[in-house]
Amino acid sequence: MDKREQKKSQLENVIHSTSKALESQLGDYKDKGKNALIIGGIVVAAYAFSRLFTSSDEKEDEKIEEEGSSFLGNALTGMVTSVLLTLAKDKILGIIDQMNQNEDDTK
C-alpha cells in the first residue's frame, strides 16, 4: 500500500470515529432535552394546578371560605402539588445518577 492510500485510510478512520462520537453526543443531548421538557412540564402542571385552586381575587376568597370548600381545595392542591414535585425530583435524581454513571464509564 502506498503512502497516499495509507493516508486516505487514516483520514477515513478519523472521519468515521468523529461521526460516531458526534452521533453519540447528539443522542445524549436529545435525551437530556427530553428529560428537561418532562421536568419542566411537571413543574408547570404543579404550578397551574395550584393556581387553579388559589385565587388572587379577594371576593373569590371570601366566597370559597363561606362555602367551606377551601379546606378541600387546599388539601387537594397540596396533595397534587406534592405528587408532581416528587415526580420531578425523582426524574432529576435519575438524570444525575445517569450522568454519574456515564462519567464512571468514560474513566
N, C-alpha and C. Protein backbone atom coordinates (compact mmCIF):
# COMPACT_ATOMS: atom_id res chain seq x y z
N MET A 1 0.86 -1.18 0.00
CA MET A 1 0.00 0.00 0.00
C MET A 1 0.90 1.24 0.00
N ASP A 2 0.61 2.13 -0.89
CA ASP A 2 1.45 3.32 -0.96
C ASP A 2 1.05 4.33 0.12
N LYS A 3 1.85 5.32 0.23
CA LYS A 3 1.68 6.32 1.29
C LYS A 3 0.35 7.07 1.15
N ARG A 4 -0.05 7.33 -0.07
CA ARG A 4 -1.30 8.06 -0.31
C ARG A 4 -2.52 7.25 0.15
N GLU A 5 -2.53 5.98 -0.17
CA GLU A 5 -3.64 5.10 0.25
C GLU A 5 -3.68 4.97 1.78
N GLN A 6 -2.52 4.90 2.38
CA GLN A 6 -2.44 4.80 3.84
C GLN A 6 -3.00 6.06 4.49
N LYS A 7 -2.63 7.21 3.97
CA LYS A 7 -3.13 8.49 4.50
C LYS A 7 -4.65 8.59 4.30
N LYS A 8 -5.14 8.16 3.15
CA LYS A 8 -6.57 8.17 2.86
C LYS A 8 -7.32 7.27 3.84
N SER A 9 -6.78 6.12 4.10
CA SER A 9 -7.39 5.19 5.05
C SER A 9 -7.44 5.77 6.47
N GLN A 10 -6.36 6.42 6.87
CA GLN A 10 -6.32 7.06 8.19
C GLN A 10 -7.37 8.16 8.29
N LEU A 11 -7.49 8.97 7.25
CA LEU A 11 -8.47 10.05 7.26
C LEU A 11 -9.91 9.50 7.30
N GLU A 12 -10.15 8.42 6.58
CA GLU A 12 -11.47 7.80 6.60
C GLU A 12 -11.79 7.27 8.00
N ASN A 13 -10.80 6.69 8.66
CA ASN A 13 -10.99 6.20 10.03
C ASN A 13 -11.29 7.35 10.99
N VAL A 14 -10.58 8.47 10.83
CA VAL A 14 -10.82 9.64 11.67
C VAL A 14 -12.23 10.18 11.44
N ILE A 15 -12.64 10.25 10.17
CA ILE A 15 -13.98 10.73 9.84
C ILE A 15 -15.03 9.81 10.45
N HIS A 16 -14.82 8.51 10.34
CA HIS A 16 -15.78 7.54 10.88
C HIS A 16 -15.88 7.65 12.41
N SER A 17 -14.76 7.72 13.09
CA SER A 17 -14.78 7.80 14.56
C SER A 17 -15.37 9.13 15.04
N THR A 18 -15.08 10.21 14.32
CA THR A 18 -15.63 11.51 14.67
C THR A 18 -17.14 11.52 14.46
N SER A 19 -17.59 10.92 13.37
CA SER A 19 -19.03 10.84 13.10
C SER A 19 -19.74 10.05 14.20
N LYS A 20 -19.16 8.94 14.61
CA LYS A 20 -19.75 8.13 15.69
C LYS A 20 -19.82 8.93 16.99
N ALA A 21 -18.76 9.66 17.31
CA ALA A 21 -18.74 10.46 18.53
C ALA A 21 -19.81 11.56 18.49
N LEU A 22 -19.96 12.21 17.34
CA LEU A 22 -20.98 13.25 17.21
C LEU A 22 -22.39 12.67 17.32
N GLU A 23 -22.63 11.51 16.71
CA GLU A 23 -23.94 10.87 16.81
C GLU A 23 -24.25 10.51 18.26
N SER A 24 -23.26 10.01 18.97
CA SER A 24 -23.45 9.66 20.38
C SER A 24 -23.76 10.90 21.21
N GLN A 25 -23.01 11.97 20.96
CA GLN A 25 -23.22 13.21 21.70
C GLN A 25 -24.59 13.80 21.41
N LEU A 26 -25.02 13.76 20.16
CA LEU A 26 -26.35 14.25 19.81
C LEU A 26 -27.44 13.43 20.49
N GLY A 27 -27.24 12.13 20.58
CA GLY A 27 -28.19 11.27 21.29
C GLY A 27 -28.29 11.65 22.76
N ASP A 28 -27.14 11.95 23.37
CA ASP A 28 -27.13 12.38 24.77
C ASP A 28 -27.87 13.69 24.95
N TYR A 29 -27.64 14.64 24.03
CA TYR A 29 -28.34 15.92 24.11
C TYR A 29 -29.84 15.75 23.91
N LYS A 30 -30.20 14.84 23.04
CA LYS A 30 -31.63 14.57 22.79
C LYS A 30 -32.28 14.04 24.07
N ASP A 31 -31.62 13.10 24.74
CA ASP A 31 -32.15 12.55 25.99
C ASP A 31 -32.25 13.61 27.07
N LYS A 32 -31.21 14.44 27.18
CA LYS A 32 -31.22 15.50 28.19
C LYS A 32 -32.31 16.52 27.91
N GLY A 33 -32.50 16.87 26.66
CA GLY A 33 -33.55 17.81 26.30
C GLY A 33 -34.93 17.25 26.59
N LYS A 34 -35.12 15.98 26.30
CA LYS A 34 -36.40 15.32 26.58
C LYS A 34 -36.68 15.30 28.08
N ASN A 35 -35.66 14.98 28.86
CA ASN A 35 -35.82 14.97 30.32
C ASN A 35 -36.12 16.36 30.86
N ALA A 36 -35.46 17.37 30.31
CA ALA A 36 -35.71 18.74 30.75
C ALA A 36 -37.14 19.16 30.44
N LEU A 37 -37.64 18.76 29.27
CA LEU A 37 -39.02 19.08 28.92
C LEU A 37 -40.01 18.38 29.85
N ILE A 38 -39.73 17.14 30.20
CA ILE A 38 -40.62 16.41 31.11
C ILE A 38 -40.63 17.08 32.48
N ILE A 39 -39.47 17.42 33.00
CA ILE A 39 -39.38 18.06 34.31
C ILE A 39 -40.07 19.42 34.28
N GLY A 40 -39.82 20.19 33.23
CA GLY A 40 -40.48 21.49 33.10
C GLY A 40 -41.98 21.35 33.02
N GLY A 41 -42.46 20.36 32.29
CA GLY A 41 -43.89 20.12 32.19
C GLY A 41 -44.51 19.77 33.52
N ILE A 42 -43.81 18.97 34.31
CA ILE A 42 -44.32 18.59 35.63
C ILE A 42 -44.41 19.82 36.53
N VAL A 43 -43.37 20.63 36.51
CA VAL A 43 -43.36 21.83 37.35
C VAL A 43 -44.46 22.80 36.92
N VAL A 44 -44.63 22.99 35.61
CA VAL A 44 -45.68 23.88 35.12
C VAL A 44 -47.06 23.33 35.48
N ALA A 45 -47.24 22.02 35.39
CA ALA A 45 -48.52 21.43 35.77
C ALA A 45 -48.81 21.63 37.25
N ALA A 46 -47.78 21.48 38.08
CA ALA A 46 -47.97 21.71 39.51
C ALA A 46 -48.35 23.16 39.78
N TYR A 47 -47.68 24.07 39.10
CA TYR A 47 -47.99 25.49 39.28
C TYR A 47 -49.40 25.80 38.79
N ALA A 48 -49.75 25.28 37.62
CA ALA A 48 -51.09 25.54 37.07
C ALA A 48 -52.17 24.96 37.96
N PHE A 49 -51.94 23.78 38.49
CA PHE A 49 -52.93 23.16 39.36
C PHE A 49 -53.07 23.94 40.66
N SER A 50 -51.95 24.41 41.20
CA SER A 50 -52.04 25.19 42.43
C SER A 50 -52.75 26.52 42.19
N ARG A 51 -52.52 27.11 41.01
CA ARG A 51 -53.20 28.37 40.67
C ARG A 51 -54.68 28.15 40.43
N LEU A 52 -55.05 26.96 40.02
CA LEU A 52 -56.45 26.64 39.77
C LEU A 52 -57.28 26.75 41.04
N PHE A 53 -56.70 26.32 42.14
CA PHE A 53 -57.44 26.33 43.40
C PHE A 53 -57.13 27.52 44.29
N THR A 54 -56.21 28.36 43.89
CA THR A 54 -55.95 29.57 44.65
C THR A 54 -56.37 30.75 43.80
N SER A 55 -56.98 31.72 44.42
CA SER A 55 -57.43 32.88 43.65
C SER A 55 -56.79 34.14 44.20
N SER A 56 -56.55 35.06 43.32
CA SER A 56 -55.95 36.32 43.75
C SER A 56 -57.03 37.36 44.05
N ASP A 57 -58.23 37.07 43.70
CA ASP A 57 -59.33 38.00 43.92
C ASP A 57 -59.90 37.79 45.32
N GLU A 58 -59.99 38.86 46.11
CA GLU A 58 -60.46 38.75 47.49
C GLU A 58 -61.91 38.29 47.56
N LYS A 59 -62.75 38.69 46.61
CA LYS A 59 -64.15 38.28 46.61
C LYS A 59 -64.26 36.78 46.44
N GLU A 60 -63.44 36.20 45.58
CA GLU A 60 -63.47 34.76 45.40
C GLU A 60 -63.00 34.06 46.67
N ASP A 61 -62.00 34.62 47.35
CA ASP A 61 -61.54 34.04 48.61
C ASP A 61 -62.66 34.03 49.64
N GLU A 62 -63.38 35.12 49.74
CA GLU A 62 -64.49 35.19 50.70
C GLU A 62 -65.57 34.19 50.34
N LYS A 63 -65.87 34.05 49.05
CA LYS A 63 -66.90 33.12 48.60
C LYS A 63 -66.51 31.68 48.93
N ILE A 64 -65.26 31.35 48.69
CA ILE A 64 -64.79 29.99 48.98
C ILE A 64 -64.86 29.72 50.48
N GLU A 65 -64.45 30.68 51.29
CA GLU A 65 -64.49 30.49 52.73
C GLU A 65 -65.91 30.34 53.23
N GLU A 66 -66.83 31.07 52.65
CA GLU A 66 -68.23 30.95 53.05
C GLU A 66 -68.78 29.58 52.71
N GLU A 67 -68.40 29.03 51.59
CA GLU A 67 -68.90 27.73 51.18
C GLU A 67 -68.25 26.60 51.96
N GLY A 68 -67.12 26.83 52.59
CA GLY A 68 -66.45 25.82 53.38
C GLY A 68 -65.65 24.83 52.54
N SER A 69 -65.46 25.11 51.28
CA SER A 69 -64.72 24.18 50.43
C SER A 69 -63.24 24.53 50.33
N SER A 70 -62.80 25.56 51.02
CA SER A 70 -61.39 25.94 50.93
C SER A 70 -60.49 24.87 51.53
N PHE A 71 -60.96 24.19 52.54
CA PHE A 71 -60.15 23.12 53.15
C PHE A 71 -59.93 22.01 52.13
N LEU A 72 -60.99 21.59 51.46
CA LEU A 72 -60.87 20.53 50.47
C LEU A 72 -59.99 20.97 49.30
N GLY A 73 -60.18 22.19 48.83
CA GLY A 73 -59.37 22.70 47.73
C GLY A 73 -57.91 22.80 48.10
N ASN A 74 -57.63 23.29 49.30
CA ASN A 74 -56.24 23.40 49.76
C ASN A 74 -55.60 22.03 49.93
N ALA A 75 -56.36 21.08 50.47
CA ALA A 75 -55.83 19.73 50.65
C ALA A 75 -55.53 19.08 49.31
N LEU A 76 -56.45 19.22 48.37
CA LEU A 76 -56.26 18.63 47.05
C LEU A 76 -55.09 19.28 46.32
N THR A 77 -55.01 20.59 46.41
CA THR A 77 -53.91 21.31 45.79
C THR A 77 -52.57 20.87 46.38
N GLY A 78 -52.51 20.78 47.68
CA GLY A 78 -51.27 20.35 48.34
C GLY A 78 -50.87 18.95 47.95
N MET A 79 -51.85 18.06 47.87
CA MET A 79 -51.56 16.67 47.53
C MET A 79 -51.05 16.55 46.09
N VAL A 80 -51.74 17.17 45.16
CA VAL A 80 -51.34 17.07 43.75
C VAL A 80 -49.99 17.75 43.54
N THR A 81 -49.79 18.90 44.15
CA THR A 81 -48.51 19.59 44.02
C THR A 81 -47.38 18.73 44.57
N SER A 82 -47.61 18.10 45.71
CA SER A 82 -46.59 17.22 46.30
C SER A 82 -46.26 16.06 45.38
N VAL A 83 -47.28 15.45 44.80
CA VAL A 83 -47.05 14.31 43.90
C VAL A 83 -46.27 14.76 42.66
N LEU A 84 -46.67 15.88 42.07
CA LEU A 84 -45.99 16.35 40.87
C LEU A 84 -44.54 16.75 41.16
N LEU A 85 -44.31 17.40 42.28
CA LEU A 85 -42.94 17.78 42.63
C LEU A 85 -42.09 16.56 42.97
N THR A 86 -42.70 15.53 43.55
CA THR A 86 -41.98 14.28 43.82
C THR A 86 -41.58 13.62 42.51
N LEU A 87 -42.49 13.64 41.52
CA LEU A 87 -42.15 13.09 40.20
C LEU A 87 -40.98 13.85 39.58
N ALA A 88 -41.02 15.16 39.68
CA ALA A 88 -39.93 15.98 39.13
C ALA A 88 -38.61 15.68 39.85
N LYS A 89 -38.67 15.55 41.18
CA LYS A 89 -37.47 15.25 41.96
C LYS A 89 -36.89 13.90 41.56
N ASP A 90 -37.76 12.89 41.42
CA ASP A 90 -37.29 11.57 41.03
C ASP A 90 -36.65 11.58 39.65
N LYS A 91 -37.23 12.34 38.73
CA LYS A 91 -36.68 12.44 37.39
C LYS A 91 -35.31 13.12 37.41
N ILE A 92 -35.18 14.17 38.20
CA ILE A 92 -33.89 14.87 38.31
C ILE A 92 -32.83 13.96 38.92
N LEU A 93 -33.21 13.22 39.97
CA LEU A 93 -32.26 12.30 40.59
C LEU A 93 -31.85 11.20 39.62
N GLY A 94 -32.78 10.73 38.80
CA GLY A 94 -32.46 9.73 37.79
C GLY A 94 -31.47 10.26 36.77
N ILE A 95 -31.65 11.51 36.37
CA ILE A 95 -30.73 12.13 35.42
C ILE A 95 -29.35 12.26 36.03
N ILE A 96 -29.29 12.68 37.30
CA ILE A 96 -28.00 12.83 37.98
C ILE A 96 -27.30 11.48 38.08
N ASP A 97 -28.04 10.43 38.44
CA ASP A 97 -27.45 9.09 38.51
C ASP A 97 -26.93 8.64 37.15
N GLN A 98 -27.71 8.92 36.10
CA GLN A 98 -27.29 8.55 34.75
C GLN A 98 -26.02 9.30 34.34
N MET A 99 -25.95 10.59 34.68
CA MET A 99 -24.76 11.36 34.34
C MET A 99 -23.54 10.85 35.10
N ASN A 100 -23.73 10.50 36.39
CA ASN A 100 -22.61 9.96 37.17
C ASN A 100 -22.16 8.62 36.61
N GLN A 101 -23.11 7.80 36.19
CA GLN A 101 -22.77 6.51 35.61
C GLN A 101 -22.02 6.68 34.30
N ASN A 102 -22.45 7.65 33.49
CA ASN A 102 -21.74 7.91 32.21
C ASN A 102 -20.32 8.40 32.46
N GLU A 103 -20.12 9.23 33.50
CA GLU A 103 -18.78 9.70 33.83
C GLU A 103 -17.91 8.55 34.29
N ASP A 104 -18.49 7.62 35.08
CA ASP A 104 -17.71 6.47 35.54
C ASP A 104 -17.33 5.56 34.38
N ASP A 105 -18.24 5.44 33.41
CA ASP A 105 -17.96 4.58 32.25
C ASP A 105 -16.86 5.14 31.37
N THR A 106 -16.77 6.47 31.30
CA THR A 106 -15.76 7.09 30.44
C THR A 106 -14.39 7.12 31.07
N LYS A 107 -14.30 6.94 32.38
CA LYS A 107 -12.99 6.98 33.07
C LYS A 107 -12.23 5.70 32.91
